[in-house]
Amino acid sequence: MITMIHPPCSVPEGNVPESVRDQSIAESRGSPDRVSIFEPAKSPMKFLAKLILTGALTVLPLLATGYVAFWFFNLIEESFGLPVKWTIGEDRYVDGMGLTFAAVVFLLTGILMRTPPFRRLFGGAERLLLSIPVVKSVYGALRDFFSLFARRKGEESLQVVAVEIPGTDMRLLGFVTRTEFTDVPNGVGGEGDVAVYLPMSYQIGGYTVFLPRKRVRQVDMSREDAMRFVLMAGLKSKSPGKGAREKPA
């Protein structure tokens, strides 16, 4: 009896029935040791580029945060370190004394600001600064900027709101900056109006709009989370914090 052994024949991929091809791919994916002839191999360069991109997205935010923090603390160290060097001499000065001195100054200022006499004294000095044309604009803008996020959450100013666009289902996320307009010229805002600042995504800028209070809805969201949400164009974060629940303003 003669047994004939036929060599394996190669079948072009285009002539293989789809059922056989799908079964081969499914079996190869189910077993890590089997590779299907119909499944395209992954490019090593693409895999390497993906690893590099993942590493860059992990490291670069840390580097940027560290750079900004280093710049900020170094600025405080150099600014408050000068009077310390003048007092004790540069040869006895140790790095970190400027930050320590700044912390002491901030603490004492915070304690003194709780006393009425010091508040009146500081108010007089502030009015003097605000009477100087150029200094008034610079100091006023910086003072208002640094006091924005120091306000308590329950205060009406800087509430996070969603502005409804009439005739559409669209809403814009913003911050209430003013609720009364007695100290501004007529026509800027009226009774029942609010001023809302609408920041822009991925850039420094925005719009201030004046509209009726009924056009805005308060959002249960912290100012920091809302600003981050708008600046990042609503991209999902790994630590989003509280959810944004709307309620009437």
Protein backbone atom coordinates (compact mmCIF):
# COMPACT_ATOMS: atom_id res chain seq x y z
CA MET A 1 0.00 0.00 0.00
CA ILE A 2 1.47 3.28 -1.07
CA THR A 3 0.67 6.40 0.88
CA MET A 4 1.08 9.67 -0.94
CA ILE A 5 2.02 12.74 1.07
CA HIS A 6 1.04 16.01 -0.50
CA PRO A 7 3.03 19.15 0.41
CA PRO A 8 1.05 21.92 2.07
CA CYS A 9 -0.32 24.29 -0.43
CA SER A 10 -0.46 28.02 0.14
CA VAL A 11 -3.79 29.64 -0.49
CA PRO A 12 -3.86 33.32 -1.39
CA GLU A 13 -5.45 35.42 1.31
CA GLY A 14 -8.00 36.83 -1.05
CA ASN A 15 -9.35 33.31 -1.88
CA VAL A 16 -9.79 32.26 1.75
CA PRO A 17 -13.43 32.23 2.86
CA GLU A 18 -14.26 34.92 5.38
CA SER A 19 -15.47 32.35 7.93
CA VAL A 20 -12.13 30.52 7.86
CA ARG A 21 -10.21 33.79 8.06
CA ASP A 22 -12.26 35.07 11.02
CA GLN A 23 -11.86 31.75 12.84
CA SER A 24 -8.08 31.85 12.35
CA ILE A 25 -7.83 35.39 13.69
CA ALA A 26 -10.07 34.58 16.65
CA GLU A 27 -8.02 31.50 17.56
CA SER A 28 -4.74 33.40 17.30
CA ARG A 29 -6.04 36.20 19.53
CA GLY A 30 -7.32 33.70 22.09
CA SER A 31 -3.91 32.01 22.37
CA PRO A 32 -0.85 34.19 22.93
CA ASP A 33 1.44 31.56 21.40
CA ARG A 34 -0.33 31.41 18.06
CA VAL A 35 -0.06 34.02 15.35
CA SER A 36 -2.52 34.16 12.50
CA ILE A 37 -1.21 34.56 8.97
CA PHE A 38 -4.19 36.82 8.27
CA GLU A 39 -3.59 39.32 11.16
CA PRO A 40 -1.23 42.17 10.24
CA ALA A 41 1.85 42.39 12.44
CA LYS A 42 2.23 45.48 14.62
CA SER A 43 4.98 47.90 13.63
CA PRO A 44 7.81 48.05 16.20
CA MET A 45 8.41 51.71 15.38
CA LYS A 46 4.79 52.62 16.07
CA PHE A 47 4.91 50.75 19.37
CA LEU A 48 8.15 52.51 20.31
CA ALA A 49 6.70 55.91 19.36
CA LYS A 50 3.64 55.19 21.49
CA LEU A 51 5.86 54.39 24.49
CA ILE A 52 7.84 57.60 23.98
CA LEU A 53 4.65 59.65 23.71
CA THR A 54 3.23 58.08 26.87
CA GLY A 55 6.43 58.86 28.73
CA ALA A 56 6.47 62.45 27.44
CA LEU A 57 2.86 63.04 28.48
CA THR A 58 3.74 61.75 31.93
CA VAL A 59 7.01 63.63 32.47
CA LEU A 60 6.38 66.99 30.74
CA PRO A 61 3.50 68.14 33.01
CA LEU A 62 5.66 67.30 36.04
CA LEU A 63 8.59 69.24 34.60
CA ALA A 64 6.41 72.24 33.74
CA THR A 65 4.84 72.25 37.22
CA GLY A 66 8.25 71.96 38.86
CA TYR A 67 9.64 74.78 36.73
CA VAL A 68 6.79 77.15 37.59
CA ALA A 69 6.98 76.25 41.30
CA PHE A 70 10.77 76.73 41.30
CA TRP A 71 10.44 80.10 39.57
CA PHE A 72 7.75 81.27 42.01
CA PHE A 73 9.58 80.22 45.18
CA ASN A 74 12.87 81.51 43.83
CA LEU A 75 11.23 84.89 43.21
CA ILE A 76 10.01 85.01 46.82
CA GLU A 77 13.42 83.86 48.09
CA GLU A 78 15.27 86.58 46.20
CA SER A 79 12.77 89.35 47.04
CA PHE A 80 12.52 88.68 50.78
CA GLY A 81 16.11 87.54 51.05
CA LEU A 82 17.50 91.01 50.29
CA PRO A 83 16.48 92.61 53.62
CA VAL A 84 17.75 89.53 55.44
CA LYS A 85 21.15 89.86 53.71
CA TRP A 86 21.28 93.57 54.57
CA THR A 87 20.56 92.75 58.21
CA ILE A 88 22.83 89.78 58.90
CA GLY A 89 25.26 90.05 55.98
CA GLU A 90 25.65 87.87 52.92
CA ASP A 91 28.33 85.68 54.52
CA ARG A 92 25.88 84.50 57.19
CA TYR A 93 22.93 84.15 54.82
CA VAL A 94 21.67 80.63 54.15
CA ASP A 95 19.35 79.65 51.31
CA GLY A 96 15.80 79.39 52.60
CA MET A 97 15.95 82.37 54.93
CA GLY A 98 14.09 84.46 52.39
CA LEU A 99 11.19 81.98 52.27
CA THR A 100 11.14 81.78 56.07
CA PHE A 101 11.09 85.55 56.38
CA ALA A 102 8.29 85.75 53.78
CA ALA A 103 6.20 83.23 55.74
CA VAL A 104 6.67 85.28 58.93
CA VAL A 105 5.72 88.50 57.13
CA PHE A 106 2.60 86.91 55.62
CA LEU A 107 1.56 85.50 58.99
CA LEU A 108 2.01 88.78 60.85
CA THR A 109 0.22 90.71 58.12
CA GLY A 110 -2.72 88.30 58.26
CA ILE A 111 -2.95 88.72 62.04
CA LEU A 112 -2.71 92.52 61.85
CA MET A 113 -5.35 92.73 59.13
CA ARG A 114 -7.85 91.38 61.65
CA THR A 115 -7.40 94.48 63.81
CA PRO A 116 -9.40 97.64 62.93
CA PRO A 117 -6.53 100.13 63.49
CA PHE A 118 -4.21 98.33 61.09
CA ARG A 119 -7.00 97.96 58.52
CA ARG A 120 -7.61 101.71 58.63
CA LEU A 121 -3.89 102.37 58.29
CA PHE A 122 -3.62 99.98 55.37
CA GLY A 123 -6.72 101.50 53.77
CA GLY A 124 -5.15 104.96 53.90
CA ALA A 125 -1.94 103.69 52.29
CA GLU A 126 -3.96 101.88 49.63
CA ARG A 127 -5.97 105.00 48.80
CA LEU A 128 -2.68 106.85 48.41
CA LEU A 129 -1.44 104.24 45.93
CA LEU A 130 -4.73 104.34 44.02
CA SER A 131 -4.43 108.10 43.60
CA ILE A 132 -1.25 107.76 41.52
CA PRO A 133 -2.24 107.41 37.82
CA VAL A 134 0.08 104.60 36.63
CA VAL A 135 0.41 102.82 39.98
CA LYS A 136 -3.37 102.81 40.33
CA SER A 137 -3.86 100.67 37.24
CA VAL A 138 -1.05 98.21 38.03
CA TYR A 139 -1.76 97.82 41.73
CA GLY A 140 -5.54 97.70 41.29
CA ALA A 141 -5.34 94.99 38.64
CA LEU A 142 -2.90 92.86 40.65
CA ARG A 143 -4.89 93.29 43.87
CA ASP A 144 -8.13 92.23 42.21
CA PHE A 145 -6.42 89.30 40.50
CA PHE A 146 -4.89 87.87 43.68
CA SER A 147 -8.12 88.34 45.62
CA LEU A 148 -10.27 86.48 43.10
CA PHE A 149 -9.69 82.95 44.37
CA ALA A 150 -9.27 84.02 48.01
CA ARG A 151 -12.99 84.66 48.36
CA ARG A 152 -15.18 82.16 50.13
CA LYS A 153 -17.29 79.74 48.14
CA GLY A 154 -20.57 81.07 49.52
CA GLU A 155 -19.98 84.60 48.21
CA GLU A 156 -22.05 85.61 45.21
CA SER A 157 -19.09 87.08 43.36
CA LEU A 158 -17.28 84.63 41.10
CA GLN A 159 -20.04 82.06 41.19
CA VAL A 160 -19.67 79.42 38.52
CA VAL A 161 -22.63 79.68 36.14
CA ALA A 162 -23.79 78.32 32.81
CA VAL A 163 -24.96 81.01 30.38
CA GLU A 164 -27.86 79.93 28.18
CA ILE A 165 -27.75 81.14 24.58
CA PRO A 166 -31.28 82.15 23.53
CA GLY A 167 -32.80 80.08 20.74
CA THR A 168 -30.31 77.23 21.13
CA ASP A 169 -29.49 74.41 23.50
CA MET A 170 -25.91 75.65 23.93
CA ARG A 171 -24.47 76.90 27.20
CA LEU A 172 -21.20 78.62 28.10
CA LEU A 173 -19.41 78.18 31.41
CA GLY A 174 -18.37 81.39 33.14
CA PHE A 175 -17.98 83.33 36.39
CA VAL A 176 -20.24 86.03 37.82
CA THR A 177 -18.01 89.07 38.40
CA ARG A 178 -20.59 91.74 39.26
CA THR A 179 -24.21 91.88 40.36
CA GLU A 180 -24.72 95.64 40.78
CA PHE A 181 -23.71 98.55 38.57
CA THR A 182 -24.23 101.66 40.69
CA ASP A 183 -20.60 102.76 40.27
CA VAL A 184 -20.42 102.41 36.47
CA PRO A 185 -21.87 104.61 33.69
CA ASN A 186 -25.48 104.11 32.64
CA GLY A 187 -26.01 101.57 29.91
CA VAL A 188 -23.37 99.10 31.06
CA GLY A 189 -25.69 97.11 33.26
CA GLY A 190 -29.12 97.56 34.71
CA GLU A 191 -31.22 96.28 37.56
CA GLY A 192 -31.49 92.52 37.46
CA ASP A 193 -28.42 92.15 35.24
CA VAL A 194 -25.19 90.37 36.05
CA ALA A 195 -21.72 90.54 34.55
CA VAL A 196 -20.30 87.16 33.57
CA TYR A 197 -16.74 86.49 32.48
CA LEU A 198 -16.45 83.75 29.86
CA PRO A 199 -12.87 82.44 29.62
CA MET A 200 -11.54 80.95 26.38
CA SER A 201 -10.07 77.48 26.01
CA TYR A 202 -6.33 76.93 25.52
CA GLN A 203 -5.43 80.61 25.72
CA ILE A 204 -5.41 83.60 28.04
CA GLY A 205 -8.44 85.70 27.24
CA GLY A 206 -12.19 85.79 27.35
CA TYR A 207 -15.29 87.92 27.13
CA THR A 208 -17.29 89.85 29.71
CA VAL A 209 -21.00 89.82 28.92
CA PHE A 210 -23.89 91.62 30.62
CA LEU A 211 -27.19 89.78 30.61
CA PRO A 212 -30.33 89.23 32.69
CA ARG A 213 -29.94 86.99 35.72
CA LYS A 214 -32.58 84.61 34.36
CA ARG A 215 -30.23 83.71 31.51
CA VAL A 216 -27.68 82.10 33.84
CA ARG A 217 -27.84 78.99 35.96
CA GLN A 218 -25.56 78.41 38.92
CA VAL A 219 -23.29 75.35 38.62
CA ASP A 220 -22.24 73.34 41.68
CA MET A 221 -18.54 73.43 40.82
CA SER A 222 -15.50 74.99 42.45
CA ARG A 223 -13.81 77.93 40.76
CA GLU A 224 -10.58 76.01 40.27
CA ASP A 225 -12.36 73.03 38.70
CA ALA A 226 -14.44 75.30 36.47
CA MET A 227 -11.42 77.28 35.25
CA ARG A 228 -9.50 74.06 34.58
CA PHE A 229 -12.53 72.60 32.79
CA VAL A 230 -12.84 75.61 30.46
CA LEU A 231 -9.12 76.02 29.80
CA MET A 232 -8.84 72.32 28.90
CA ALA A 233 -11.93 72.56 26.62
CA GLY A 234 -13.83 70.04 28.75
CA LEU A 235 -11.33 67.22 28.33
CA LYS A 236 -11.88 64.52 30.91
CA SER A 237 -9.42 64.61 33.75
CA LYS A 238 -8.28 61.67 35.85
CA SER A 239 -9.26 63.59 39.00
CA PRO A 240 -12.28 65.68 37.97
CA GLY A 241 -13.35 66.42 41.54
CA LYS A 242 -16.96 67.31 42.06
CA GLY A 243 -19.41 66.93 39.26
CA ALA A 244 -21.00 69.93 37.65
CA ARG A 245 -24.62 70.01 38.71
CA GLU A 246 -26.69 72.93 37.58
CA LYS A 247 -29.20 74.75 39.72
CA PRO A 248 -31.02 78.07 39.24
CA ALA A 249 -28.88 81.11 40.11
